[in-house]
Amino acid sequence: MMFGAMASVRSWFGRGEQRQRQNGMPAPTLFTPLPEPSSRARQAERSTAPGHVAPVAVEAPKPRWPETKLRVLAGLWGEGFLSPGGPAEVLALAKPLGLNGSHSVLQLGAGLGGAARTLAGEWGCYVTGYECDRDLAALGNALSVKLKIERKADIRPLDPAAPAIRQNYFHHALALEALWRHADKSRLLVALIEGVKPSGQIVLTDLVLGDVTPQASAAFSAWAACEGAEPHLAGERALTALMTRLGLDVRIVEDITARHVSQTLSAWASFVQDLARDRPAPAYAAKIVEEAERCLRRLDLMRAGRLRLLRWHAIRR
């Protein structure tokens, strides 16, 4: 029933498959690329009269995080969050860290800063959140400033090609889906691990490959287009082995896919009920449709066992 509610949202404007074709994102490197523009279209762009250079109309790039999209995400997941679960999920994930007001916490994959502010607000710890999307980092820190919690929930941009994190400084760390978008996971993991004091605890969540067949290529390509990022997915064993090799004593590996699916569906069920009472304006509704499409693509892969969300609890050696 909840899946039906999400599907009905997606079909409001007859979008869905059309949005995938327009997005232009490449498929994951493990799978078949998305179609490129036709040769006829490319020839039309190049054709000009002899000796004449046609003017080129350059469109300004569309902002990746427009205000309407941020409003949708806040209404669906909670202010400052980009995924389901909200503060309750963050606190559940961080509970094993035993945080208190004397602790400093490294938070990788900070997004809009919701997790960092939740930790600081609940336990009084000092959280430095690092986000590889510079625009997101700026928006997240602006929220911390707005809420007057920037001293305890500081959100900073991080260059994944050269991640600069102070070494041996933080007591503990929390990384939320911070690796799957990056081909060079070792570089980020080293910065994360070395940022924590020896014997410090690290909790990570991330997406990994499940049971994949050649027939899954189209489904992964459709999901990649909706995410707006090229996935670089590893398997559970490979990623766990990498963590161990880089200096972590991995104590727990837990599959939390079912919990993620349940949280996603519950959030959408509540959100759709609100929409039924007050139908949104077209611009706002269009962003709702985009987010519904992204969630459906991800959940389809998860329900088929092709994509999994895992939690690791580890200690720095």
Protein backbone atom coordinates (compact mmCIF):
# COMPACT_ATOMS: atom_id res chain seq x y z
CA MET A 1 0.00 0.00 0.00
CA MET A 2 2.84 2.39 0.88
CA PHE A 3 4.63 1.53 -2.38
CA GLY A 4 1.37 2.37 -4.17
CA ALA A 5 1.32 5.79 -2.54
CA MET A 6 4.86 6.52 -3.75
CA ALA A 7 4.02 5.29 -7.26
CA SER A 8 0.97 7.55 -7.41
CA VAL A 9 3.12 10.54 -6.48
CA ARG A 10 5.62 9.63 -9.21
CA SER A 11 2.89 9.55 -11.86
CA TRP A 12 1.38 12.99 -11.11
CA PHE A 13 3.03 14.60 -14.13
CA GLY A 14 3.69 11.49 -16.21
CA ARG A 15 7.35 11.61 -15.28
CA GLY A 16 9.59 8.78 -14.09
CA GLU A 17 11.16 7.13 -17.15
CA GLN A 18 11.24 10.51 -18.87
CA ARG A 19 13.28 12.02 -16.03
CA GLN A 20 15.87 9.25 -16.28
CA ARG A 21 16.42 9.97 -19.97
CA GLN A 22 16.78 13.70 -19.35
CA ASN A 23 19.16 13.42 -16.41
CA GLY A 24 22.20 12.36 -18.42
CA MET A 25 24.02 10.70 -15.51
CA PRO A 26 26.44 7.88 -16.38
CA ALA A 27 25.67 4.36 -15.24
CA PRO A 28 27.73 2.71 -12.50
CA THR A 29 31.10 1.59 -13.82
CA LEU A 30 30.17 -2.04 -13.27
CA PHE A 31 27.16 -1.80 -15.54
CA THR A 32 26.11 -0.82 -19.06
CA PRO A 33 26.35 2.95 -19.74
CA LEU A 34 23.23 4.99 -20.27
CA PRO A 35 22.49 5.96 -23.89
CA GLU A 36 24.50 8.87 -25.28
CA PRO A 37 23.02 11.62 -27.50
CA SER A 38 22.29 10.38 -31.03
CA SER A 39 24.80 11.04 -33.84
CA ARG A 40 22.15 13.08 -35.64
CA ALA A 41 21.82 15.39 -32.65
CA ARG A 42 25.58 15.83 -32.43
CA GLN A 43 25.83 16.61 -36.15
CA ALA A 44 23.07 19.19 -35.87
CA GLU A 45 24.98 20.93 -33.08
CA ARG A 46 28.17 21.09 -35.20
CA SER A 47 26.64 22.13 -38.54
CA THR A 48 27.13 25.79 -39.49
CA ALA A 49 27.32 27.75 -42.78
CA PRO A 50 30.79 27.87 -44.45
CA GLY A 51 32.95 30.59 -42.92
CA HIS A 52 30.34 31.42 -40.33
CA VAL A 53 30.55 30.58 -36.64
CA ALA A 54 27.11 30.23 -35.17
CA PRO A 55 26.56 31.77 -31.73
CA VAL A 56 26.38 29.23 -28.97
CA ALA A 57 23.69 29.63 -26.38
CA VAL A 58 25.09 28.72 -22.99
CA GLU A 59 22.60 27.83 -20.31
CA ALA A 60 23.46 28.68 -16.72
CA PRO A 61 23.92 25.46 -14.73
CA LYS A 62 20.90 24.58 -12.65
CA PRO A 63 21.55 24.60 -8.91
CA ARG A 64 21.83 21.08 -7.53
CA TRP A 65 20.03 22.04 -4.31
CA PRO A 66 17.27 24.54 -5.19
CA GLU A 67 15.04 25.84 -2.43
CA THR A 68 12.05 23.78 -3.58
CA LYS A 69 14.08 20.56 -3.36
CA LEU A 70 15.33 21.44 0.12
CA ARG A 71 11.75 22.07 1.24
CA VAL A 72 10.70 18.66 -0.04
CA LEU A 73 13.59 16.93 1.71
CA ALA A 74 12.86 18.76 4.97
CA GLY A 75 9.18 17.84 4.81
CA LEU A 76 9.91 14.22 4.03
CA TRP A 77 12.99 13.36 6.14
CA GLY A 78 13.14 16.23 8.64
CA GLU A 79 15.12 19.48 8.55
CA GLY A 80 18.77 18.86 7.89
CA PHE A 81 18.35 15.25 6.73
CA LEU A 82 18.65 13.66 3.29
CA SER A 83 17.57 10.12 4.18
CA PRO A 84 15.03 8.32 6.39
CA GLY A 85 15.24 7.73 10.11
CA GLY A 86 15.97 11.26 11.23
CA PRO A 87 17.31 11.98 14.73
CA ALA A 88 16.10 8.65 16.14
CA GLU A 89 18.18 6.66 13.64
CA VAL A 90 21.27 8.82 14.21
CA LEU A 91 21.02 8.34 17.97
CA ALA A 92 20.55 4.59 17.57
CA LEU A 93 23.62 4.33 15.32
CA ALA A 94 25.76 6.47 17.64
CA LYS A 95 24.63 4.90 20.92
CA PRO A 96 27.53 2.35 21.02
CA LEU A 97 30.00 5.25 20.96
CA GLY A 98 29.00 6.27 24.50
CA LEU A 99 29.23 9.98 23.73
CA ASN A 100 29.24 12.79 26.31
CA GLY A 101 30.07 16.48 26.52
CA SER A 102 33.82 15.91 26.72
CA HIS A 103 34.01 14.06 23.40
CA SER A 104 34.92 15.35 19.94
CA VAL A 105 33.28 13.50 17.04
CA LEU A 106 34.27 13.25 13.38
CA GLN A 107 31.18 12.92 11.20
CA LEU A 108 31.79 11.95 7.57
CA GLY A 109 28.97 12.32 5.06
CA ALA A 110 27.51 15.25 6.97
CA GLY A 111 25.03 16.33 4.29
CA LEU A 112 22.93 19.21 5.60
CA GLY A 113 24.23 18.66 9.13
CA GLY A 114 21.17 17.03 10.70
CA ALA A 115 23.18 14.16 12.20
CA ALA A 116 25.90 16.44 13.60
CA ARG A 117 23.36 18.75 15.24
CA THR A 118 21.47 15.76 16.66
CA LEU A 119 24.61 14.38 18.33
CA ALA A 120 25.62 17.78 19.70
CA GLY A 121 22.12 18.51 20.96
CA GLU A 122 21.59 15.12 22.63
CA TRP A 123 24.98 14.54 24.26
CA GLY A 124 26.67 17.94 24.22
CA CYS A 125 29.66 16.64 22.28
CA TYR A 126 31.61 18.70 19.75
CA VAL A 127 30.98 17.46 16.21
CA THR A 128 32.91 18.37 13.07
CA GLY A 129 30.97 17.25 10.02
CA TYR A 130 32.75 16.78 6.68
CA GLU A 131 30.82 16.78 3.41
CA CYS A 132 32.29 16.18 -0.07
CA ASP A 133 29.55 18.22 -1.78
CA ARG A 134 30.70 21.80 -1.20
CA ASP A 135 27.24 23.26 -1.80
CA LEU A 136 25.70 20.90 0.73
CA ALA A 137 28.41 21.71 3.25
CA ALA A 138 27.73 25.44 2.89
CA LEU A 139 23.99 24.91 3.30
CA GLY A 140 24.53 22.62 6.28
CA ASN A 141 26.78 25.06 8.09
CA ALA A 142 24.35 27.89 7.38
CA LEU A 143 21.67 25.84 9.17
CA SER A 144 24.00 25.35 12.15
CA VAL A 145 24.61 29.10 12.27
CA LYS A 146 20.88 29.78 11.98
CA LEU A 147 20.21 27.45 14.91
CA LYS A 148 23.15 28.96 16.87
CA ILE A 149 24.87 25.62 17.29
CA GLU A 150 27.81 26.13 14.91
CA ARG A 151 30.38 25.84 17.72
CA LYS A 152 29.27 22.30 18.48
CA ALA A 153 28.09 21.25 15.00
CA ASP A 154 30.55 22.70 12.49
CA ILE A 155 29.98 21.52 8.89
CA ARG A 156 32.97 21.74 6.55
CA PRO A 157 33.62 20.88 2.89
CA LEU A 158 36.00 18.01 2.19
CA ASP A 159 37.93 17.34 -1.01
CA PRO A 160 37.68 13.55 -1.59
CA ALA A 161 40.82 13.65 -3.74
CA ALA A 162 42.85 15.18 -0.90
CA PRO A 163 40.84 14.86 2.33
CA ALA A 164 42.37 17.10 4.99
CA ILE A 165 41.25 15.92 8.44
CA ARG A 166 43.26 16.58 11.59
CA GLN A 167 45.04 13.36 12.60
CA ASN A 168 44.66 11.61 15.97
CA TYR A 169 42.28 14.32 17.16
CA PHE A 170 38.72 12.98 17.44
CA HIS A 171 37.56 10.60 20.16
CA HIS A 172 35.08 8.77 17.92
CA ALA A 173 33.57 8.93 14.41
CA LEU A 174 30.30 8.36 12.58
CA ALA A 175 30.28 7.96 8.78
CA LEU A 176 26.90 7.86 7.02
CA GLU A 177 26.83 6.56 3.41
CA ALA A 178 30.05 8.46 2.80
CA LEU A 179 31.87 5.95 0.55
CA TRP A 180 29.66 4.54 -2.20
CA ARG A 181 29.89 7.61 -4.45
CA HIS A 182 33.70 7.47 -4.53
CA ALA A 183 35.93 5.13 -6.53
CA ASP A 184 38.93 5.70 -4.24
CA LYS A 185 37.47 4.56 -0.95
CA SER A 186 40.92 3.97 0.57
CA ARG A 187 41.77 7.68 0.53
CA LEU A 188 38.61 8.64 2.45
CA LEU A 189 38.89 5.70 4.83
CA VAL A 190 42.50 6.52 5.69
CA ALA A 191 41.54 10.13 6.47
CA LEU A 192 38.61 8.93 8.58
CA ILE A 193 40.61 6.32 10.51
CA GLU A 194 43.67 8.51 11.07
CA GLY A 195 41.44 11.34 12.28
CA VAL A 196 40.41 9.23 15.27
CA LYS A 197 42.60 8.62 18.31
CA PRO A 198 43.96 5.07 18.74
CA SER A 199 41.28 2.86 20.36
CA GLY A 200 38.60 5.32 19.24
CA GLN A 201 35.35 3.82 17.94
CA ILE A 202 33.95 4.27 14.44
CA VAL A 203 30.42 3.48 13.24
CA LEU A 204 29.87 3.44 9.48
CA THR A 205 26.89 2.84 7.22
CA ASP A 206 27.21 2.36 3.48
CA LEU A 207 25.64 0.79 0.41
CA VAL A 208 27.14 -2.43 -0.96
CA LEU A 209 26.39 -4.75 -3.85
CA GLY A 210 24.08 -7.66 -3.19
CA ASP A 211 23.18 -10.42 -5.64
CA VAL A 212 23.90 -8.94 -9.06
CA THR A 213 23.21 -10.49 -12.45
CA PRO A 214 23.70 -9.05 -15.96
CA GLN A 215 19.94 -8.46 -16.07
CA ALA A 216 20.29 -5.96 -13.22
CA SER A 217 22.17 -3.45 -15.40
CA ALA A 218 19.09 -1.47 -16.42
CA ALA A 219 17.84 -1.22 -12.84
CA PHE A 220 21.20 0.06 -11.60
CA SER A 221 21.42 2.54 -14.48
CA ALA A 222 17.96 3.91 -13.67
CA TRP A 223 18.87 4.26 -10.00
CA ALA A 224 22.18 6.01 -10.85
CA ALA A 225 20.33 8.54 -13.00
CA CYS A 226 17.98 9.37 -10.13
CA GLU A 227 20.74 9.68 -7.54
CA GLY A 228 22.57 12.29 -9.61
CA ALA A 229 25.88 10.59 -8.79
CA GLU A 230 27.85 7.71 -10.26
CA PRO A 231 27.85 4.82 -7.78
CA HIS A 232 31.07 2.92 -7.09
CA LEU A 233 29.81 -0.08 -5.19
CA ALA A 234 31.85 -2.78 -3.49
CA GLY A 235 30.74 -6.04 -1.91
CA GLU A 236 30.47 -6.61 1.83
CA ARG A 237 33.57 -8.80 2.08
CA ALA A 238 35.73 -6.48 -0.03
CA LEU A 239 34.78 -3.36 1.92
CA THR A 240 35.17 -5.05 5.30
CA ALA A 241 38.58 -6.41 4.27
CA LEU A 242 39.63 -2.91 3.18
CA MET A 243 38.67 -1.46 6.57
CA THR A 244 40.67 -4.16 8.33
CA ARG A 245 43.70 -3.64 6.11
CA LEU A 246 43.67 0.12 6.77
CA GLY A 247 43.72 -0.24 10.55
CA LEU A 248 40.25 -1.03 11.88
CA ASP A 249 39.31 -3.87 14.21
CA VAL A 250 35.85 -4.59 12.82
CA ARG A 251 33.63 -5.94 15.60
CA ILE A 252 30.15 -5.90 14.03
CA VAL A 253 28.79 -6.02 10.49
CA GLU A 254 24.99 -5.72 10.39
CA ASP A 255 22.59 -5.64 7.45
CA ILE A 256 20.17 -2.77 8.12
CA THR A 257 18.49 -2.82 4.69
CA ALA A 258 15.09 -3.91 6.02
CA ARG A 259 15.11 -1.12 8.59
CA HIS A 260 16.02 1.44 5.92
CA VAL A 261 13.19 0.24 3.65
CA SER A 262 10.70 0.38 6.52
CA GLN A 263 11.77 3.90 7.51
CA THR A 264 11.53 5.08 3.92
CA LEU A 265 8.02 3.73 3.45
CA SER A 266 6.80 5.11 6.78
CA ALA A 267 8.10 8.58 5.93
CA TRP A 268 6.43 8.54 2.53
CA ALA A 269 3.12 7.28 3.95
CA SER A 270 3.00 10.22 6.35
CA PHE A 271 4.15 12.68 3.70
CA VAL A 272 1.54 11.55 1.16
CA GLN A 273 -1.22 11.92 3.73
CA ASP A 274 -0.21 15.54 4.22
CA LEU A 275 -0.18 16.08 0.45
CA ALA A 276 -3.71 14.73 0.15
CA ARG A 277 -4.92 17.47 2.49
CA ASP A 278 -3.07 20.26 0.71
CA ARG A 279 -2.11 19.51 -2.91
CA PRO A 280 1.22 21.25 -3.65
CA ALA A 281 2.00 23.81 -6.32
CA PRO A 282 3.50 22.39 -9.57
CA ALA A 283 7.12 23.43 -8.89
CA TYR A 284 7.07 21.87 -5.45
CA ALA A 285 5.23 18.78 -6.71
CA ALA A 286 7.82 18.26 -9.45
CA LYS A 287 10.58 17.93 -6.82
CA ILE A 288 8.39 15.53 -4.85
CA VAL A 289 8.10 13.37 -7.96
CA GLU A 290 11.89 13.37 -8.41
CA GLU A 291 12.46 12.24 -4.83
CA ALA A 292 9.75 9.57 -5.11
CA GLU A 293 11.41 8.23 -8.25
CA ARG A 294 14.82 8.11 -6.55
CA CYS A 295 13.43 6.28 -3.54
CA LEU A 296 11.48 3.77 -5.63
CA ARG A 297 14.55 2.94 -7.74
CA ARG A 298 16.67 2.39 -4.63
CA LEU A 299 14.00 0.34 -2.85
CA ASP A 300 13.38 -1.82 -5.92
CA LEU A 301 17.05 -2.82 -5.90
CA MET A 302 16.98 -3.45 -2.17
CA ARG A 303 13.84 -5.59 -2.29
CA ALA A 304 15.43 -7.66 -5.07
CA GLY A 305 18.54 -8.21 -2.92
CA ARG A 306 20.78 -6.37 -5.40
CA LEU A 307 21.59 -3.43 -3.14
CA ARG A 308 22.18 -3.59 0.62
CA LEU A 309 22.76 -1.08 3.41
CA LEU A 310 25.22 -2.22 6.08
CA ARG A 311 26.40 -0.97 9.46
CA TRP A 312 29.95 -1.52 10.73
CA HIS A 313 31.14 -0.96 14.30
CA ALA A 314 34.91 -0.89 14.57
CA ILE A 315 37.79 0.26 16.75
CA ARG A 316 40.94 1.96 15.51
CA ARG A 317 43.96 -0.21 16.21
